[in-house]
Full PDB file with SEQRES, HELIX, SHEET, SSBOND, CRYST1, ORIGX, SCALE, CONECT and MASTER records, all heavy atoms in Angstrom:
SEQRES   1 A   29  VAL SER SER THR LYS ILE ASN ALA VAL LEU ARG GLN LEU          
SEQRES   2 A   29  GLU ILE SER LYS LEU LYS GLY LYS GLU LYS THR ILE ILE          
SEQRES   3 A   29  VAL SER GLN                                                  
HELIX    1 AA1 THR A    4  LEU A   18  1                                  15    
CRYST1    1.000    1.000    1.000  90.00  90.00  90.00 P 1           1          
ORIGX1      1.000000  0.000000  0.000000        0.00000                         
ORIGX2      0.000000  1.000000  0.000000        0.00000                         
ORIGX3      0.000000  0.000000  1.000000        0.00000                         
SCALE1      1.000000  0.000000  0.000000        0.00000                         
SCALE2      0.000000  1.000000  0.000000        0.00000                         
SCALE3      0.000000  0.000000  1.000000        0.00000                         
ATOM      1  N   VAL A   1    -190.601 -65.798-150.723  1.00  0.00           N  
ATOM      2  CA  VAL A   1    -190.664 -67.070-149.898  1.00  0.00           C  
ATOM      3  C   VAL A   1    -189.997 -68.179-150.571  1.00  0.00           C  
ATOM      4  O   VAL A   1    -189.636 -69.204-149.915  1.00  0.00           O  
ATOM      5  CB  VAL A   1    -192.086 -67.469-149.585  1.00  0.00           C  
ATOM      6  CG1 VAL A   1    -192.821 -66.294-148.766  1.00  0.00           C  
ATOM      7  CG2 VAL A   1    -192.844 -67.731-150.844  1.00  0.00           C  
ATOM      8  N   SER A   2    -189.697 -68.126-151.848  1.00  0.00           N  
ATOM      9  CA  SER A   2    -189.149 -69.267-152.510  1.00  0.00           C  
ATOM     10  C   SER A   2    -188.297 -68.825-153.722  1.00  0.00           C  
ATOM     11  O   SER A   2    -187.702 -67.851-153.652  1.00  0.00           O  
ATOM     12  CB  SER A   2    -190.240 -70.233-153.026  1.00  0.00           C  
ATOM     13  OG  SER A   2    -189.805 -71.379-153.663  1.00  0.00           O  
ATOM     14  N   SER A   3    -188.330 -69.586-154.871  1.00  0.00           N  
ATOM     15  CA  SER A   3    -187.561 -69.172-156.047  1.00  0.00           C  
ATOM     16  C   SER A   3    -188.177 -67.902-156.684  1.00  0.00           C  
ATOM     17  O   SER A   3    -189.383 -67.612-156.454  1.00  0.00           O  
ATOM     18  CB  SER A   3    -187.533 -70.355-157.056  1.00  0.00           C  
ATOM     19  OG  SER A   3    -188.880 -70.596-157.643  1.00  0.00           O  
ATOM     20  N   THR A   4    -187.507 -67.360-157.697  1.00  0.00           N  
ATOM     21  CA  THR A   4    -187.950 -66.208-158.355  1.00  0.00           C  
ATOM     22  C   THR A   4    -189.320 -66.553-159.039  1.00  0.00           C  
ATOM     23  O   THR A   4    -190.250 -65.576-158.960  1.00  0.00           O  
ATOM     24  CB  THR A   4    -186.957 -65.797-159.442  1.00  0.00           C  
ATOM     25  OG1 THR A   4    -185.678 -65.482-158.812  1.00  0.00           O  
ATOM     26  CG2 THR A   4    -187.357 -64.542-160.160  1.00  0.00           C  
ATOM     27  N   LYS A   5    -189.422 -67.676-159.750  1.00  0.00           N  
ATOM     28  CA  LYS A   5    -190.605 -67.937-160.549  1.00  0.00           C  
ATOM     29  C   LYS A   5    -191.800 -68.151-159.490  1.00  0.00           C  
ATOM     30  O   LYS A   5    -192.893 -67.698-159.684  1.00  0.00           O  
ATOM     31  CB  LYS A   5    -190.411 -69.191-161.314  1.00  0.00           C  
ATOM     32  CG  LYS A   5    -191.518 -69.439-162.260  1.00  0.00           C  
ATOM     33  CD  LYS A   5    -191.228 -70.581-163.277  1.00  0.00           C  
ATOM     34  CE  LYS A   5    -190.221 -70.128-164.337  1.00  0.00           C  
ATOM     35  NZ  LYS A   5    -190.192 -71.027-165.427  1.00  0.00           N  
ATOM     36  N   ILE A   6    -191.541 -68.902-158.434  1.00  0.00           N  
ATOM     37  CA  ILE A   6    -192.652 -69.199-157.342  1.00  0.00           C  
ATOM     38  C   ILE A   6    -193.049 -67.915-156.731  1.00  0.00           C  
ATOM     39  O   ILE A   6    -194.268 -67.636-156.537  1.00  0.00           O  
ATOM     40  CB  ILE A   6    -192.154 -70.226-156.395  1.00  0.00           C  
ATOM     41  CG1 ILE A   6    -191.849 -71.509-157.033  1.00  0.00           C  
ATOM     42  CG2 ILE A   6    -193.237 -70.407-155.334  1.00  0.00           C  
ATOM     43  CD1 ILE A   6    -192.918 -72.234-157.794  1.00  0.00           C  
ATOM     44  N   ASN A   7    -192.117 -67.016-156.439  1.00  0.00           N  
ATOM     45  CA  ASN A   7    -192.387 -65.739-155.911  1.00  0.00           C  
ATOM     46  C   ASN A   7    -193.437 -65.024-156.777  1.00  0.00           C  
ATOM     47  O   ASN A   7    -194.325 -64.290-156.428  1.00  0.00           O  
ATOM     48  CB  ASN A   7    -191.201 -64.954-155.623  1.00  0.00           C  
ATOM     49  CG  ASN A   7    -190.433 -65.451-154.357  1.00  0.00           C  
ATOM     50  OD1 ASN A   7    -190.932 -66.129-153.646  1.00  0.00           O  
ATOM     51  ND2 ASN A   7    -189.177 -65.136-154.410  1.00  0.00           N  
ATOM     52  N   ALA A   8    -193.081 -64.987-158.192  1.00  0.00           N  
ATOM     53  CA  ALA A   8    -193.916 -64.319-159.168  1.00  0.00           C  
ATOM     54  C   ALA A   8    -195.315 -64.845-159.157  1.00  0.00           C  
ATOM     55  O   ALA A   8    -196.316 -64.158-159.383  1.00  0.00           O  
ATOM     56  CB  ALA A   8    -193.222 -64.384-160.523  1.00  0.00           C  
ATOM     57  N   VAL A   9    -195.405 -66.244-159.022  1.00  0.00           N  
ATOM     58  CA  VAL A   9    -196.744 -66.825-159.017  1.00  0.00           C  
ATOM     59  C   VAL A   9    -197.553 -66.393-157.847  1.00  0.00           C  
ATOM     60  O   VAL A   9    -198.765 -66.010-157.916  1.00  0.00           O  
ATOM     61  CB  VAL A   9    -196.612 -68.356-158.983  1.00  0.00           C  
ATOM     62  CG1 VAL A   9    -198.003 -69.030-158.749  1.00  0.00           C  
ATOM     63  CG2 VAL A   9    -196.043 -68.877-160.224  1.00  0.00           C  
ATOM     64  N   LEU A  10    -196.968 -66.404-156.630  1.00  0.00           N  
ATOM     65  CA  LEU A  10    -197.652 -66.000-155.416  1.00  0.00           C  
ATOM     66  C   LEU A  10    -198.044 -64.500-155.488  1.00  0.00           C  
ATOM     67  O   LEU A  10    -199.150 -64.113-154.946  1.00  0.00           O  
ATOM     68  CB  LEU A  10    -196.765 -66.256-154.107  1.00  0.00           C  
ATOM     69  CG  LEU A  10    -196.421 -67.707-153.898  1.00  0.00           C  
ATOM     70  CD1 LEU A  10    -195.544 -67.867-152.774  1.00  0.00           C  
ATOM     71  CD2 LEU A  10    -197.699 -68.496-153.660  1.00  0.00           C  
ATOM     72  N   ARG A  11    -197.182 -63.652-156.121  1.00  0.00           N  
ATOM     73  CA  ARG A  11    -197.548 -62.306-156.283  1.00  0.00           C  
ATOM     74  C   ARG A  11    -198.841 -62.107-157.084  1.00  0.00           C  
ATOM     75  O   ARG A  11    -199.729 -61.300-156.861  1.00  0.00           O  
ATOM     76  CB  ARG A  11    -196.435 -61.498-156.888  1.00  0.00           C  
ATOM     77  CG  ARG A  11    -196.738 -60.048-157.101  1.00  0.00           C  
ATOM     78  CD  ARG A  11    -195.454 -59.323-157.711  1.00  0.00           C  
ATOM     79  NE  ARG A  11    -195.821 -57.899-157.868  1.00  0.00           N  
ATOM     80  CZ  ARG A  11    -196.329 -57.386-158.968  1.00  0.00           C  
ATOM     81  NH1 ARG A  11    -196.700 -58.162-159.982  1.00  0.00           N  
ATOM     82  NH2 ARG A  11    -196.617 -56.100-158.993  1.00  0.00           N  
ATOM     83  N   GLN A  12    -198.936 -62.956-158.179  1.00  0.00           N  
ATOM     84  CA  GLN A  12    -200.100 -62.900-159.032  1.00  0.00           C  
ATOM     85  C   GLN A  12    -201.390 -63.372-158.318  1.00  0.00           C  
ATOM     86  O   GLN A  12    -202.467 -62.788-158.568  1.00  0.00           O  
ATOM     87  CB  GLN A  12    -199.897 -63.812-160.341  1.00  0.00           C  
ATOM     88  CG  GLN A  12    -198.973 -63.181-161.364  1.00  0.00           C  
ATOM     89  CD  GLN A  12    -199.485 -61.972-161.978  1.00  0.00           C  
ATOM     90  OE1 GLN A  12    -200.758 -61.800-162.194  1.00  0.00           O  
ATOM     91  NE2 GLN A  12    -198.725 -60.974-162.233  1.00  0.00           N  
ATOM     92  N   LEU A  13    -201.293 -64.283-157.388  1.00  0.00           N  
ATOM     93  CA  LEU A  13    -202.380 -64.731-156.556  1.00  0.00           C  
ATOM     94  C   LEU A  13    -202.802 -63.693-155.674  1.00  0.00           C  
ATOM     95  O   LEU A  13    -204.098 -63.533-155.430  1.00  0.00           O  
ATOM     96  CB  LEU A  13    -201.966 -65.994-155.868  1.00  0.00           C  
ATOM     97  CG  LEU A  13    -201.754 -67.281-156.666  1.00  0.00           C  
ATOM     98  CD1 LEU A  13    -201.282 -68.396-155.826  1.00  0.00           C  
ATOM     99  CD2 LEU A  13    -202.832 -67.581-157.596  1.00  0.00           C  
ATOM    100  N   GLU A  14    -201.894 -62.890-155.129  1.00  0.00           N  
ATOM    101  CA  GLU A  14    -202.273 -61.692-154.287  1.00  0.00           C  
ATOM    102  C   GLU A  14    -203.011 -60.702-155.046  1.00  0.00           C  
ATOM    103  O   GLU A  14    -203.965 -60.148-154.565  1.00  0.00           O  
ATOM    104  CB  GLU A  14    -201.036 -61.210-153.689  1.00  0.00           C  
ATOM    105  CG  GLU A  14    -200.373 -61.988-152.587  1.00  0.00           C  
ATOM    106  CD  GLU A  14    -201.288 -62.086-151.317  1.00  0.00           C  
ATOM    107  OE1 GLU A  14    -201.820 -61.103-150.903  1.00  0.00           O  
ATOM    108  OE2 GLU A  14    -201.476 -63.320-150.943  1.00  0.00           O  
ATOM    109  N   ILE A  15    -202.579 -60.443-156.326  1.00  0.00           N  
ATOM    110  CA  ILE A  15    -203.276 -59.531-157.101  1.00  0.00           C  
ATOM    111  C   ILE A  15    -204.665 -60.053-157.421  1.00  0.00           C  
ATOM    112  O   ILE A  15    -205.613 -59.204-157.346  1.00  0.00           O  
ATOM    113  CB  ILE A  15    -202.484 -59.275-158.529  1.00  0.00           C  
ATOM    114  CG1 ILE A  15    -201.143 -58.620-158.218  1.00  0.00           C  
ATOM    115  CG2 ILE A  15    -203.306 -58.524-159.500  1.00  0.00           C  
ATOM    116  CD1 ILE A  15    -200.252 -58.460-159.455  1.00  0.00           C  
ATOM    117  N   SER A  16    -204.915 -61.259-157.743  1.00  0.00           N  
ATOM    118  CA  SER A  16    -206.206 -61.767-158.013  1.00  0.00           C  
ATOM    119  C   SER A  16    -207.134 -61.633-156.787  1.00  0.00           C  
ATOM    120  O   SER A  16    -208.204 -61.361-156.912  1.00  0.00           O  
ATOM    121  CB  SER A  16    -206.061 -63.369-158.359  1.00  0.00           C  
ATOM    122  OG  SER A  16    -205.421 -63.511-159.552  1.00  0.00           O  
ATOM    123  N   LYS A  17    -206.500 -61.824-155.608  1.00  0.00           N  
ATOM    124  CA  LYS A  17    -207.296 -61.789-154.417  1.00  0.00           C  
ATOM    125  C   LYS A  17    -207.799 -60.221-154.226  1.00  0.00           C  
ATOM    126  O   LYS A  17    -208.975 -59.994-153.868  1.00  0.00           O  
ATOM    127  CB  LYS A  17    -206.464 -62.082-153.172  1.00  0.00           C  
ATOM    128  CG  LYS A  17    -207.251 -61.936-151.820  1.00  0.00           C  
ATOM    129  CD  LYS A  17    -206.306 -62.147-150.645  1.00  0.00           C  
ATOM    130  CE  LYS A  17    -205.623 -63.472-150.547  1.00  0.00           C  
ATOM    131  NZ  LYS A  17    -204.784 -63.648-149.364  1.00  0.00           N  
ATOM    132  N   LEU A  18    -206.973 -59.243-154.579  1.00  0.00           N  
ATOM    133  CA  LEU A  18    -207.361 -57.897-154.397  1.00  0.00           C  
ATOM    134  C   LEU A  18    -208.401 -57.508-155.523  1.00  0.00           C  
ATOM    135  O   LEU A  18    -209.151 -56.549-155.307  1.00  0.00           O  
ATOM    136  CB  LEU A  18    -206.085 -56.990-154.523  1.00  0.00           C  
ATOM    137  CG  LEU A  18    -205.100 -57.020-153.444  1.00  0.00           C  
ATOM    138  CD1 LEU A  18    -203.914 -56.199-153.786  1.00  0.00           C  
ATOM    139  CD2 LEU A  18    -205.732 -56.647-152.156  1.00  0.00           C  
ATOM    140  N   LYS A  19    -208.339 -58.240-156.620  1.00  0.00           N  
ATOM    141  CA  LYS A  19    -209.344 -57.866-157.750  1.00  0.00           C  
ATOM    142  C   LYS A  19    -210.713 -58.442-157.478  1.00  0.00           C  
ATOM    143  O   LYS A  19    -211.586 -58.218-158.188  1.00  0.00           O  
ATOM    144  CB  LYS A  19    -208.832 -58.439-159.050  1.00  0.00           C  
ATOM    145  CG  LYS A  19    -207.624 -57.657-159.601  1.00  0.00           C  
ATOM    146  CD  LYS A  19    -207.249 -58.280-160.986  1.00  0.00           C  
ATOM    147  CE  LYS A  19    -206.206 -57.538-161.689  1.00  0.00           C  
ATOM    148  NZ  LYS A  19    -205.778 -58.127-162.998  1.00  0.00           N  
ATOM    149  N   GLY A  20    -210.887 -59.218-156.321  1.00  0.00           N  
ATOM    150  CA  GLY A  20    -212.084 -59.798-156.067  1.00  0.00           C  
ATOM    151  C   GLY A  20    -212.202 -61.278-155.982  1.00  0.00           C  
ATOM    152  O   GLY A  20    -213.223 -61.936-156.236  1.00  0.00           O  
ATOM    153  N   LYS A  21    -211.051 -61.798-155.662  1.00  0.00           N  
ATOM    154  CA  LYS A  21    -210.953 -63.364-155.455  1.00  0.00           C  
ATOM    155  C   LYS A  21    -211.284 -64.120-156.730  1.00  0.00           C  
ATOM    156  O   LYS A  21    -212.033 -65.044-156.678  1.00  0.00           O  
ATOM    157  CB  LYS A  21    -211.791 -63.751-154.300  1.00  0.00           C  
ATOM    158  CG  LYS A  21    -211.449 -63.193-152.895  1.00  0.00           C  
ATOM    159  CD  LYS A  21    -212.291 -63.825-151.842  1.00  0.00           C  
ATOM    160  CE  LYS A  21    -211.799 -63.248-150.473  1.00  0.00           C  
ATOM    161  NZ  LYS A  21    -212.691 -63.723-149.305  1.00  0.00           N  
ATOM    162  N   GLU A  22    -210.717 -63.580-157.828  1.00  0.00           N  
ATOM    163  CA  GLU A  22    -210.997 -64.283-159.123  1.00  0.00           C  
ATOM    164  C   GLU A  22    -210.228 -65.630-159.033  1.00  0.00           C  
ATOM    165  O   GLU A  22    -209.225 -65.758-158.460  1.00  0.00           O  
ATOM    166  CB  GLU A  22    -210.410 -63.414-160.273  1.00  0.00           C  
ATOM    167  CG  GLU A  22    -208.978 -63.204-160.312  1.00  0.00           C  
ATOM    168  CD  GLU A  22    -208.595 -62.276-161.433  1.00  0.00           C  
ATOM    169  OE1 GLU A  22    -209.482 -61.540-162.039  1.00  0.00           O  
ATOM    170  OE2 GLU A  22    -207.390 -62.153-161.746  1.00  0.00           O  
ATOM    171  N   LYS A  23    -210.772 -66.627-159.770  1.00  0.00           N  
ATOM    172  CA  LYS A  23    -210.253 -67.897-159.723  1.00  0.00           C  
ATOM    173  C   LYS A  23    -209.069 -68.018-160.738  1.00  0.00           C  
ATOM    174  O   LYS A  23    -209.088 -67.413-161.762  1.00  0.00           O  
ATOM    175  CB  LYS A  23    -211.249 -68.985-160.141  1.00  0.00           C  
ATOM    176  CG  LYS A  23    -212.353 -69.153-159.081  1.00  0.00           C  
ATOM    177  CD  LYS A  23    -213.149 -70.408-159.283  1.00  0.00           C  
ATOM    178  CE  LYS A  23    -214.125 -70.547-158.159  1.00  0.00           C  
ATOM    179  NZ  LYS A  23    -214.873 -71.908-158.242  1.00  0.00           N  
ATOM    180  N   THR A  24    -208.018 -68.727-160.336  1.00  0.00           N  
ATOM    181  CA  THR A  24    -206.790 -68.845-161.088  1.00  0.00           C  
ATOM    182  C   THR A  24    -206.384 -70.365-161.204  1.00  0.00           C  
ATOM    183  O   THR A  24    -206.607 -71.194-160.384  1.00  0.00           O  
ATOM    184  CB  THR A  24    -205.643 -68.158-160.337  1.00  0.00           C  
ATOM    185  OG1 THR A  24    -206.022 -66.777-160.196  1.00  0.00           O  
ATOM    186  CG2 THR A  24    -204.333 -68.254-161.150  1.00  0.00           C  
ATOM    187  N   ILE A  25    -205.814 -70.638-162.465  1.00  0.00           N  
ATOM    188  CA  ILE A  25    -205.358 -72.097-162.781  1.00  0.00           C  
ATOM    189  C   ILE A  25    -203.827 -71.940-162.797  1.00  0.00           C  
ATOM    190  O   ILE A  25    -203.338 -70.991-163.558  1.00  0.00           O  
ATOM    191  CB  ILE A  25    -205.920 -72.545-164.055  1.00  0.00           C  
ATOM    192  CG1 ILE A  25    -207.394 -72.643-163.947  1.00  0.00           C  
ATOM    193  CG2 ILE A  25    -205.356 -73.970-164.295  1.00  0.00           C  
ATOM    194  CD1 ILE A  25    -208.082 -73.052-165.296  1.00  0.00           C  
ATOM    195  N   ILE A  26    -203.084 -72.789-162.110  1.00  0.00           N  
ATOM    196  CA  ILE A  26    -201.634 -72.774-162.142  1.00  0.00           C  
ATOM    197  C   ILE A  26    -201.250 -74.124-162.836  1.00  0.00           C  
ATOM    198  O   ILE A  26    -201.599 -75.198-162.378  1.00  0.00           O  
ATOM    199  CB  ILE A  26    -201.050 -72.735-160.757  1.00  0.00           C  
ATOM    200  CG1 ILE A  26    -201.460 -71.421-160.014  1.00  0.00           C  
ATOM    201  CG2 ILE A  26    -199.517 -72.771-160.784  1.00  0.00           C  
ATOM    202  CD1 ILE A  26    -200.922 -71.330-158.622  1.00  0.00           C  
ATOM    203  N   VAL A  27    -200.531 -73.970-163.933  1.00  0.00           N  
ATOM    204  CA  VAL A  27    -200.191 -75.164-164.750  1.00  0.00           C  
ATOM    205  C   VAL A  27    -198.711 -75.373-164.858  1.00  0.00           C  
ATOM    206  O   VAL A  27    -197.924 -74.425-164.965  1.00  0.00           O  
ATOM    207  CB  VAL A  27    -200.716 -74.898-166.222  1.00  0.00           C  
ATOM    208  CG1 VAL A  27    -200.477 -76.098-167.073  1.00  0.00           C  
ATOM    209  CG2 VAL A  27    -202.174 -74.605-166.228  1.00  0.00           C  
ATOM    210  N   SER A  28    -198.338 -76.655-164.816  1.00  0.00           N  
ATOM    211  CA  SER A  28    -196.964 -77.002-164.972  1.00  0.00           C  
ATOM    212  C   SER A  28    -196.949 -78.425-165.555  1.00  0.00           C  
ATOM    213  O   SER A  28    -197.880 -79.237-165.321  1.00  0.00           O  
ATOM    214  CB  SER A  28    -196.104 -77.071-163.675  1.00  0.00           C  
ATOM    215  OG  SER A  28    -194.837 -77.543-163.900  1.00  0.00           O  
ATOM    216  N   GLN A  29    -195.874 -78.654-166.348  1.00  0.00           N  
ATOM    217  CA  GLN A  29    -195.753 -80.063-166.896  1.00  0.00           C  
ATOM    218  C   GLN A  29    -195.106 -81.012-165.900  1.00  0.00           C  
ATOM    219  O   GLN A  29    -195.001 -82.218-166.077  1.00  0.00           O  
ATOM    220  CB  GLN A  29    -194.996 -80.095-168.193  1.00  0.00           C  
ATOM    221  CG  GLN A  29    -193.600 -79.480-168.170  1.00  0.00           C  
ATOM    222  CD  GLN A  29    -193.009 -79.255-169.609  1.00  0.00           C  
ATOM    223  OE1 GLN A  29    -192.966 -80.184-170.377  1.00  0.00           O  
ATOM    224  NE2 GLN A  29    -192.441 -78.164-169.847  1.00  0.00           N  
TER     225      GLN A  29                                                      
MASTER        0    0    0    1    0    0    0    6  224    1    0    3          
END                                                                             
């Protein structure tokens, strides 16, 4: 849906959802 890095982030969020909706922190400077 976006840049390579943003796509990778959204993919990780999908994985977290499948694992049981674990909470995630997204950090950027």
